[in-house]
C-alpha atoms as a PDB file:
ATOM      1  CA  MET A   1     -21.834  34.365-101.837  1.00  0.00           C
ATOM      2  CA  THR A   2     -18.309  35.453-102.648  1.00  0.00           C
ATOM      3  CA  THR A   3     -17.188  34.516 -99.123  1.00  0.00           C
ATOM      4  CA  LEU A   4     -18.067  30.817 -99.519  1.00  0.00           C
ATOM      5  CA  PRO A   5     -15.055  29.929-101.704  1.00  0.00           C
ATOM      6  CA  PHE A   6     -12.806  31.815 -99.328  1.00  0.00           C
ATOM      7  CA  ILE A   7     -14.224  29.962 -96.327  1.00  0.00           C
ATOM      8  CA  GLY A   8     -13.812  26.669 -98.164  1.00  0.00           C
ATOM      9  CA  PHE A   9     -10.191  27.544 -98.923  1.00  0.00           C
ATOM     10  CA  LEU A  10      -9.560  28.333 -95.267  1.00  0.00           C
ATOM     11  CA  VAL A  11     -11.080  25.016 -94.201  1.00  0.00           C
ATOM     12  CA  VAL A  12      -8.950  23.060 -96.668  1.00  0.00           C
ATOM     13  CA  ALA A  13      -5.817  24.986 -95.665  1.00  0.00           C
ATOM     14  CA  GLY A  14      -6.562  24.391 -91.985  1.00  0.00           C
ATOM     15  CA  LEU A  15      -6.987  20.652 -92.529  1.00  0.00           C
ATOM     16  CA  PHE A  16      -3.789  20.547 -94.503  1.00  0.00           C
ATOM     17  CA  LEU A  17      -1.887  22.340 -91.750  1.00  0.00           C
ATOM     18  CA  LEU A  18      -3.326  20.006 -89.124  1.00  0.00           C
ATOM     19  CA  THR A  19      -2.127  16.964 -91.048  1.00  0.00           C
ATOM     20  CA  ARG A  20       1.364  18.470 -91.234  1.00  0.00           C
ATOM     21  CA  TRP A  21       1.422  19.611 -87.603  1.00  0.00           C
ATOM     22  CA  ILE A  22       0.032  16.463 -85.993  1.00  0.00           C
ATOM     23  CA  ASN A  23       2.240  13.388 -86.255  1.00  0.00           C
ATOM     24  CA  ILE A  24       2.125  10.057 -84.454  1.00  0.00           C
ATOM     25  CA  MET A  25       5.372   8.202 -83.761  1.00  0.00           C
ATOM     26  CA  ALA A  26       5.378   4.445 -83.170  1.00  0.00           C
ATOM     27  CA  GLU A  27       7.185   2.934 -80.179  1.00  0.00           C
ATOM     28  CA  TYR A  28      10.251   2.159 -82.301  1.00  0.00           C
ATOM     29  CA  GLU A  29      10.354   5.580 -84.024  1.00  0.00           C
ATOM     30  CA  ARG A  30      11.834   8.939 -83.068  1.00  0.00           C
ATOM     31  CA  ALA A  31      11.434  12.344 -84.722  1.00  0.00           C
ATOM     32  CA  VAL A  32      14.484  14.549 -85.235  1.00  0.00           C
ATOM     33  CA  VAL A  33      13.053  18.084 -85.570  1.00  0.00           C
ATOM     34  CA  PHE A  34      14.791  21.033 -87.226  1.00  0.00           C
ATOM     35  CA  ARG A  35      13.438  24.482 -86.392  1.00  0.00           C
ATOM     36  CA  LEU A  36      14.547  27.123 -88.881  1.00  0.00           C
ATOM     37  CA  GLY A  37      17.497  24.914 -89.751  1.00  0.00           C
ATOM     38  CA  ARG A  38      18.578  24.378 -86.157  1.00  0.00           C
ATOM     39  CA  ILE A  39      18.119  20.994 -84.561  1.00  0.00           C
ATOM     40  CA  LEU A  40      16.237  20.651 -81.308  1.00  0.00           C
ATOM     41  CA  GLU A  41      18.159  19.173 -78.431  1.00  0.00           C
ATOM     42  CA  LYS A  42      16.167  15.989 -77.956  1.00  0.00           C
ATOM     43  CA  PRO A  43      14.342  13.771 -80.474  1.00  0.00           C
ATOM     44  CA  LYS A  44      10.581  13.558 -80.014  1.00  0.00           C
ATOM     45  CA  GLY A  45       8.416  10.499 -79.629  1.00  0.00           C
ATOM     46  CA  PRO A  46       6.938   8.026 -79.314  1.00  0.00           C
ATOM     47  CA  GLY A  47       3.279   9.052 -79.384  1.00  0.00           C
ATOM     48  CA  LEU A  48       1.823  12.391 -80.489  1.00  0.00           C
ATOM     49  CA  VAL A  49       4.339  14.843 -81.929  1.00  0.00           C
ATOM     50  CA  LEU A  50       3.387  18.412 -82.831  1.00  0.00           C
ATOM     51  CA  ILE A  51       5.536  20.397 -85.223  1.00  0.00           C
ATOM     52  CA  LEU A  52       4.972  23.882 -86.594  1.00  0.00           C
ATOM     53  CA  TRP A  53       5.219  23.371 -90.310  1.00  0.00           C
ATOM     54  CA  PRO A  54       6.770  25.066 -92.319  1.00  0.00           C
ATOM     55  CA  ILE A  55       8.916  26.469 -89.512  1.00  0.00           C
ATOM     56  CA  ASP A  56       9.775  22.959 -88.318  1.00  0.00           C
ATOM     57  CA  ARG A  57      11.013  20.053 -90.419  1.00  0.00           C
ATOM     58  CA  MET A  58      10.848  16.478 -89.108  1.00  0.00           C
ATOM     59  CA  VAL A  59      12.968  13.422 -89.990  1.00  0.00           C
ATOM     60  CA  LYS A  60      11.806   9.992 -88.808  1.00  0.00           C
ATOM     61  CA  VAL A  61      14.386   7.518 -87.528  1.00  0.00           C
ATOM     62  CA  SER A  62      13.696   3.854 -86.741  1.00  0.00           C
ATOM     63  CA  LEU A  63      15.344   2.363 -83.634  1.00  0.00           C
ATOM     64  CA  ARG A  64      14.810  -1.242 -84.670  1.00  0.00           C
ATOM     65  CA  THR A  65      17.700  -3.551 -85.508  1.00  0.00           C
ATOM     66  CA  VAL A  66      18.589  -3.389 -89.186  1.00  0.00           C
ATOM     67  CA  VAL A  67      19.761  -6.547 -90.977  1.00  0.00           C
ATOM     68  CA  LEU A  68      22.197  -5.435 -93.675  1.00  0.00           C
ATOM     69  CA  ASP A  69      23.215  -7.950 -96.314  1.00  0.00           C
ATOM     70  CA  VAL A  70      26.748  -7.265 -97.529  1.00  0.00           C
ATOM     71  CA  PRO A  71      27.070  -8.313-101.208  1.00  0.00           C
ATOM     72  CA  PRO A  72      29.834 -10.788-102.214  1.00  0.00           C
ATOM     73  CA  GLN A  73      33.278  -9.214-102.155  1.00  0.00           C
ATOM     74  CA  ASP A  74      36.297 -10.337-104.196  1.00  0.00           C
ATOM     75  CA  ILE A  75      39.065 -10.984-101.675  1.00  0.00           C
ATOM     76  CA  ILE A  76      42.644 -12.179-102.118  1.00  0.00           C
ATOM     77  CA  THR A  77      43.768 -13.918 -98.946  1.00  0.00           C
ATOM     78  CA  LYS A  78      47.210 -13.680 -97.404  1.00  0.00           C
ATOM     79  CA  ASP A  79      48.271 -16.908 -99.147  1.00  0.00           C
ATOM     80  CA  ASN A  80      47.161 -15.520-102.565  1.00  0.00           C
ATOM     81  CA  VAL A  81      43.852 -17.370-102.966  1.00  0.00           C
ATOM     82  CA  SER A  82      41.033 -15.470-104.690  1.00  0.00           C
ATOM     83  CA  VAL A  83      37.643 -16.015-103.015  1.00  0.00           C
ATOM     84  CA  LYS A  84      34.219 -14.372-102.883  1.00  0.00           C
ATOM     85  CA  VAL A  85      32.870 -13.679 -99.390  1.00  0.00           C
ATOM     86  CA  ASN A  86      29.541 -12.199 -98.322  1.00  0.00           C
ATOM     87  CA  ALA A  87      28.353 -11.333 -94.832  1.00  0.00           C
ATOM     88  CA  VAL A  88      25.446  -9.942 -92.845  1.00  0.00           C
ATOM     89  CA  VAL A  89      25.613  -7.024 -90.389  1.00  0.00           C
ATOM     90  CA  TYR A  90      23.171  -6.393 -87.518  1.00  0.00           C
ATOM     91  CA  PHE A  91      23.036  -2.810 -86.234  1.00  0.00           C
ATOM     92  CA  ARG A  92      20.640  -0.278 -84.734  1.00  0.00           C
ATOM     93  CA  VAL A  93      20.486   3.466 -84.171  1.00  0.00           C
ATOM     94  CA  LEU A  94      21.143   4.475 -80.570  1.00  0.00           C
ATOM     95  CA  GLU A  95      21.340   8.262 -81.058  1.00  0.00           C
ATOM     96  CA  PRO A  96      18.940   9.474 -83.771  1.00  0.00           C
ATOM     97  CA  THR A  97      20.322  13.021 -83.773  1.00  0.00           C
ATOM     98  CA  LYS A  98      23.866  11.851 -84.630  1.00  0.00           C
ATOM     99  CA  ALA A  99      22.566   9.411 -87.236  1.00  0.00           C
ATOM    100  CA  ILE A 100      20.929  12.324 -89.101  1.00  0.00           C
ATOM    101  CA  VAL A 101      23.420  15.131 -88.490  1.00  0.00           C
ATOM    102  CA  GLU A 102      26.818  13.377 -88.561  1.00  0.00           C
ATOM    103  CA  VAL A 103      26.330  11.384 -91.786  1.00  0.00           C
ATOM    104  CA  GLU A 104      24.235  11.990 -94.890  1.00  0.00           C
ATOM    105  CA  ASN A 105      22.762   8.489 -95.227  1.00  0.00           C
ATOM    106  CA  PHE A 106      23.663   6.173 -92.352  1.00  0.00           C
ATOM    107  CA  LEU A 107      22.295   3.050 -94.076  1.00  0.00           C
ATOM    108  CA  PHE A 108      24.411   3.564 -97.193  1.00  0.00           C
ATOM    109  CA  ALA A 109      27.432   4.651 -95.148  1.00  0.00           C
ATOM    110  CA  THR A 110      27.249   1.554 -92.914  1.00  0.00           C
ATOM    111  CA  SER A 111      26.916  -0.695 -95.955  1.00  0.00           C
ATOM    112  CA  GLN A 112      29.994   0.788 -97.632  1.00  0.00           C
ATOM    113  CA  LEU A 113      31.980   0.649 -94.416  1.00  0.00           C
ATOM    114  CA  ALA A 114      31.070  -3.031 -93.937  1.00  0.00           C
ATOM    115  CA  GLN A 115      32.238  -3.877 -97.475  1.00  0.00           C
ATOM    116  CA  THR A 116      35.599  -2.128 -97.163  1.00  0.00           C
ATOM    117  CA  THR A 117      36.227  -3.561 -93.690  1.00  0.00           C
ATOM    118  CA  LEU A 118      35.377  -7.070 -94.921  1.00  0.00           C
ATOM    119  CA  ARG A 119      37.930  -6.813 -97.726  1.00  0.00           C
ATOM    120  CA  SER A 120      40.563  -5.275 -95.464  1.00  0.00           C
ATOM    121  CA  ILE A 121      40.421  -7.761 -92.581  1.00  0.00           C
ATOM    122  CA  LEU A 122      39.810 -10.959 -94.521  1.00  0.00           C
ATOM    123  CA  GLY A 123      42.586 -10.006 -96.942  1.00  0.00           C
ATOM    124  CA  GLN A 124      45.034 -10.268 -94.025  1.00  0.00           C
ATOM    125  CA  THR A 125      44.088 -13.859 -93.179  1.00  0.00           C
ATOM    126  CA  GLU A 126      45.012 -17.162 -94.793  1.00  0.00           C
ATOM    127  CA  LEU A 127      42.457 -19.460 -96.389  1.00  0.00           C
ATOM    128  CA  ASP A 128      42.609 -22.027 -93.577  1.00  0.00           C
ATOM    129  CA  GLN A 129      41.866 -19.292 -91.026  1.00  0.00           C
ATOM    130  CA  LEU A 130      38.991 -17.996 -93.137  1.00  0.00           C
ATOM    131  CA  LEU A 131      37.411 -21.449 -93.243  1.00  0.00           C
ATOM    132  CA  SER A 132      38.105 -22.633 -89.694  1.00  0.00           C
ATOM    133  CA  GLU A 133      38.174 -19.475 -87.529  1.00  0.00           C
ATOM    134  CA  ARG A 134      34.867 -17.873 -88.500  1.00  0.00           C
ATOM    135  CA  GLU A 135      33.931 -16.915 -84.951  1.00  0.00           C
ATOM    136  CA  THR A 136      37.190 -15.056 -84.328  1.00  0.00           C
ATOM    137  CA  LEU A 137      36.916 -13.193 -87.635  1.00  0.00           C
ATOM    138  CA  ASN A 138      33.277 -12.290 -86.927  1.00  0.00           C
ATOM    139  CA  ASP A 139      34.253 -10.750 -83.589  1.00  0.00           C
ATOM    140  CA  GLN A 140      37.091  -8.816 -85.211  1.00  0.00           C
ATOM    141  CA  LEU A 141      34.806  -7.469 -87.944  1.00  0.00           C
ATOM    142  CA  GLN A 142      32.168  -6.459 -85.401  1.00  0.00           C
ATOM    143  CA  THR A 143      34.717  -4.591 -83.279  1.00  0.00           C
ATOM    144  CA  VAL A 144      36.213  -2.635 -86.177  1.00  0.00           C
ATOM    145  CA  ILE A 145      32.878  -1.666 -87.791  1.00  0.00           C
ATOM    146  CA  ASP A 146      31.373  -0.695 -84.430  1.00  0.00           C
ATOM    147  CA  GLN A 147      34.293   1.630 -83.674  1.00  0.00           C
ATOM    148  CA  GLN A 148      33.880   3.348 -87.046  1.00  0.00           C
ATOM    149  CA  THR A 149      30.104   3.824 -86.725  1.00  0.00           C
ATOM    150  CA  ASP A 150      30.148   4.982 -83.098  1.00  0.00           C
ATOM    151  CA  PRO A 151      30.429   8.717 -84.071  1.00  0.00           C
ATOM    152  CA  TRP A 152      27.238   8.248 -86.108  1.00  0.00           C
ATOM    153  CA  GLY A 153      25.268   7.021 -83.081  1.00  0.00           C
ATOM    154  CA  ILE A 154      25.045   3.489 -84.506  1.00  0.00           C
ATOM    155  CA  LYS A 155      25.721   0.289 -82.573  1.00  0.00           C
ATOM    156  CA  VAL A 156      26.853  -2.762 -84.548  1.00  0.00           C
ATOM    157  CA  SER A 157      25.816  -5.776 -82.486  1.00  0.00           C
ATOM    158  CA  MET A 158      26.923  -8.654 -84.712  1.00  0.00           C
ATOM    159  CA  VAL A 159      28.683  -9.470 -87.982  1.00  0.00           C
ATOM    160  CA  GLU A 160      28.471 -12.932 -89.539  1.00  0.00           C
ATOM    161  CA  VAL A 161      30.407 -14.241 -92.553  1.00  0.00           C
ATOM    162  CA  LYS A 162      27.751 -16.125 -94.491  1.00  0.00           C
ATOM    163  CA  HIS A 163      29.457 -17.869 -97.384  1.00  0.00           C
ATOM    164  CA  VAL A 164      32.948 -18.328 -98.815  1.00  0.00           C
ATOM    165  CA  ASP A 165      32.927 -19.154-102.525  1.00  0.00           C
ATOM    166  CA  LEU A 166      36.124 -20.981-103.515  1.00  0.00           C
ATOM    167  CA  PRO A 167      37.454 -21.463-107.082  1.00  0.00           C
ATOM    168  CA  GLN A 168      36.860 -24.865-108.681  1.00  0.00           C
ATOM    169  CA  GLU A 169      40.581 -25.667-108.664  1.00  0.00           C
ATOM    170  CA  MET A 170      40.807 -24.991-104.934  1.00  0.00           C
ATOM    171  CA  GLN A 171      37.712 -27.088-104.225  1.00  0.00           C
ATOM    172  CA  ARG A 172      39.229 -30.057-106.077  1.00  0.00           C
ATOM    173  CA  ALA A 173      42.555 -29.627-104.264  1.00  0.00           C
ATOM    174  CA  MET A 174      40.800 -29.513-100.867  1.00  0.00           C
ATOM    175  CA  ALA A 175      38.768 -32.610-101.779  1.00  0.00           C
ATOM    176  CA  LYS A 176      41.977 -34.495-102.623  1.00  0.00           C
ATOM    177  CA  GLN A 177      43.553 -33.333 -99.376  1.00  0.00           C
ATOM    178  CA  ALA A 178      40.549 -34.507 -97.359  1.00  0.00           C
ATOM    179  CA  GLU A 179      40.596 -37.892 -99.150  1.00  0.00           C
ATOM    180  CA  ALA A 180      44.318 -38.299 -98.445  1.00  0.00           C
ATOM    181  CA  GLU A 181      43.722 -37.442 -94.792  1.00  0.00           C
ATOM    182  CA  ARG A 182      40.974 -40.081 -94.549  1.00  0.00           C
ATOM    183  CA  GLU A 183      43.240 -42.699 -96.161  1.00  0.00           C
ATOM    184  CA  LYS A 184      45.994 -41.784 -93.721  1.00  0.00           C
ATOM    185  CA  ARG A 185      43.679 -42.281 -90.731  1.00  0.00           C
ATOM    186  CA  ALA A 186      42.454 -45.605 -92.167  1.00  0.00           C
ATOM    187  CA  LYS A 187      46.018 -46.886 -92.567  1.00  0.00           C
ATOM    188  CA  VAL A 188      46.930 -45.811 -89.042  1.00  0.00           C
ATOM    189  CA  ILE A 189      43.878 -47.593 -87.631  1.00  0.00           C
ATOM    190  CA  HIS A 190      44.661 -50.724 -89.684  1.00  0.00           C
ATOM    191  CA  ALA A 191      48.287 -50.734 -88.502  1.00  0.00           C
ATOM    192  CA  SER A 192      47.159 -50.306 -84.895  1.00  0.00           C
ATOM    193  CA  GLY A 193      44.806 -53.265 -85.297  1.00  0.00           C
ATOM    194  CA  GLU A 194      47.581 -55.411 -86.779  1.00  0.00           C
ATOM    195  CA  LEU A 195      49.843 -54.522 -83.859  1.00  0.00           C
ATOM    196  CA  GLN A 196      47.223 -55.471 -81.293  1.00  0.00           C
ATOM    197  CA  ALA A 197      46.492 -58.723 -83.144  1.00  0.00           C
ATOM    198  CA  SER A 198      50.202 -59.644 -83.258  1.00  0.00           C
ATOM    199  CA  GLU A 199      50.531 -58.943 -79.532  1.00  0.00           C
ATOM    200  CA  SER A 200      47.522 -61.168 -78.812  1.00  0.00           C
ATOM    201  CA  LEU A 201      48.930 -63.957 -80.997  1.00  0.00           C
ATOM    202  CA  ALA A 202      52.298 -63.700 -79.243  1.00  0.00           C
ATOM    203  CA  GLN A 203      50.589 -64.024 -75.863  1.00  0.00           C
ATOM    204  CA  ALA A 204      48.589 -67.039 -77.106  1.00  0.00           C
ATOM    205  CA  ALA A 205      51.766 -68.680 -78.471  1.00  0.00           C
ATOM    206  CA  ASN A 206      53.528 -68.197 -75.145  1.00  0.00           C
ATOM    207  CA  ALA A 207      50.593 -69.714 -73.287  1.00  0.00           C
ATOM    208  CA  ILE A 208      50.459 -72.749 -75.615  1.00  0.00           C
ATOM    209  CA  SER A 209      54.216 -73.342 -75.517  1.00  0.00           C
ATOM    210  CA  ALA A 210      54.096 -73.419 -71.738  1.00  0.00           C
ATOM    211  CA  ASN A 211      51.682 -76.386 -71.813  1.00  0.00           C
ATOM    212  CA  PRO A 212      52.031 -78.849 -74.772  1.00  0.00           C
ATOM    213  CA  VAL A 213      48.665 -80.437 -73.998  1.00  0.00           C
ATOM    214  CA  THR A 214      47.002 -77.176 -74.960  1.00  0.00           C
ATOM    215  CA  LEU A 215      48.464 -77.447 -78.470  1.00  0.00           C
ATOM    216  CA  GLN A 216      47.178 -81.011 -78.798  1.00  0.00           C
ATOM    217  CA  LEU A 217      43.680 -79.943 -77.723  1.00  0.00           C
ATOM    218  CA  ARG A 218      43.797 -77.097 -80.236  1.00  0.00           C
ATOM    219  CA  TYR A 219      44.575 -79.579 -83.033  1.00  0.00           C
ATOM    220  CA  LEU A 220      41.653 -81.741 -82.005  1.00  0.00           C
ATOM    221  CA  GLN A 221      39.320 -78.760 -81.887  1.00  0.00           C
ATOM    222  CA  THR A 222      40.415 -77.695 -85.371  1.00  0.00           C
ATOM    223  CA  LEU A 223      39.699 -81.212 -86.693  1.00  0.00           C
ATOM    224  CA  SER A 224      36.249 -81.131 -85.122  1.00  0.00           C
ATOM    225  CA  ASP A 225      35.453 -77.734 -86.668  1.00  0.00           C
ATOM    226  CA  ILE A 226      36.577 -78.822 -90.123  1.00  0.00           C
ATOM    227  CA  ALA A 227      34.581 -82.037 -89.963  1.00  0.00           C
ATOM    228  CA  THR A 228      31.454 -80.076 -89.002  1.00  0.00           C
ATOM    229  CA  GLU A 229      31.715 -77.339 -91.654  1.00  0.00           C
ATOM    230  CA  ARG A 230      33.259 -79.213 -94.610  1.00  0.00           C
ATOM    231  CA  ASN A 231      32.037 -82.262 -96.546  1.00  0.00           C
ATOM    232  CA  SER A 232      35.187 -82.885 -98.589  1.00  0.00           C
ATOM    233  CA  THR A 233      38.170 -85.060 -97.710  1.00  0.00           C
ATOM    234  CA  ILE A 234      40.884 -83.158 -95.891  1.00  0.00           C
ATOM    235  CA  LEU A 235      44.457 -84.239 -95.215  1.00  0.00           C
ATOM    236  CA  PHE A 236      45.479 -82.829 -91.889  1.00  0.00           C
ATOM    237  CA  PRO A 237      49.084 -83.350 -90.729  1.00  0.00           C
ATOM    238  CA  LEU A 238      49.444 -84.597 -87.185  1.00  0.00           C
ATOM    239  CA  PRO A 239      52.496 -83.833 -85.104  1.00  0.00           C
ATOM    240  CA  LEU A 240      54.476 -86.713 -83.646  1.00  0.00           C
ATOM    241  CA  GLU A 241      53.918 -85.357 -80.150  1.00  0.00           C
ATOM    242  CA  LEU A 242      50.187 -85.825 -80.594  1.00  0.00           C
ATOM    243  CA  LEU A 243      50.640 -89.430 -81.765  1.00  0.00           C
ATOM    244  CA  ARG A 244      52.948 -90.256 -78.843  1.00  0.00           C
ATOM    245  CA  ALA A 245      50.502 -88.717 -76.398  1.00  0.00           C
ATOM    246  CA  PHE A 246      47.628 -90.652 -77.938  1.00  0.00           C
ATOM    247  CA  GLY A 247      49.645 -93.910 -77.828  1.00  0.00           C
ATOM    248  CA  SER A 248      50.545 -93.365 -74.209  1.00  0.00           C
ATOM    249  CA  PHE A 249      46.906 -92.720 -73.410  1.00  0.00           C
ATOM    250  CA  MET A 250      45.814 -95.964 -75.091  1.00  0.00           C
ATOM    251  CA  SER A 251      48.509 -98.037 -73.316  1.00  0.00           C
ATOM    252  CA  GLY A 252      47.511 -96.726 -69.930  1.00  0.00           C
ATOM    253  CA  GLY A 253      49.985 -93.913 -69.494  1.00  0.00           C
ATOM    254  CA  PRO A 254      53.676 -93.431 -70.108  1.00  0.00           C
ATOM    255  CA  GLN A 255      55.853 -96.510 -69.479  1.00  0.00           C
ATOM    256  CA  GLU A 256      59.038 -96.434 -67.468  1.00  0.00           C
ATOM    257  CA  PRO A 257      62.206 -97.234 -69.403  1.00  0.00           C
ATOM    258  CA  LYS A 258      63.615-100.699 -68.706  1.00  0.00           C
ATOM    259  CA  GLU A 259      66.947-101.200 -66.938  1.00  0.00           C
END
């Protein structure tokens, strides 16, 4: 009877050891195994992974892309404008052994590196560049961060500046500048229209002066339009040329001067 507790203890200990020895790695996971403090050459997984606990110690590493949100950073641009900028970093572990051995906590280290690099690079640019050249700055940030994390076995695939928070004074100044630019374009367009209209009027005046009958017909057309659209009495001055032409028409054409 005294052997039953001992047998039960052995069964429980065996089950416990089996749960520590038998591990299943997902497709996106790798196991970095340390045996007596020394790391094995190649990470294990995916699938069934057997380790000899407590001789072996296993550290799981995910190979999926990590989306790291960089908190807003206070940045003073090259033209002395204080702004808050936040970004997002996309990276993944390519070499699990380096990610565990070369750095204590690769997630925290990558986050801190992204923050310092963001302040360093964006602090060397002017505000106009920061607002208009986002793609160029994103590529520059990605290149610098990727070079720094390469010894850790981490690949930074993309860095995106998400938001630039400007001071209220700068927002009002930029709004005034944009309004002035719109007014400038409106005045240029209006002046261009006036120039085209004056050129058209000059061409019409030249055409009318070449043929006096055209001017007389224009007067008659204007009288007809006014009579159709207005009900009040209108005094319309008639040129003498129109009266002479009308008199000649009524008398049967221009008469020859007498000898």
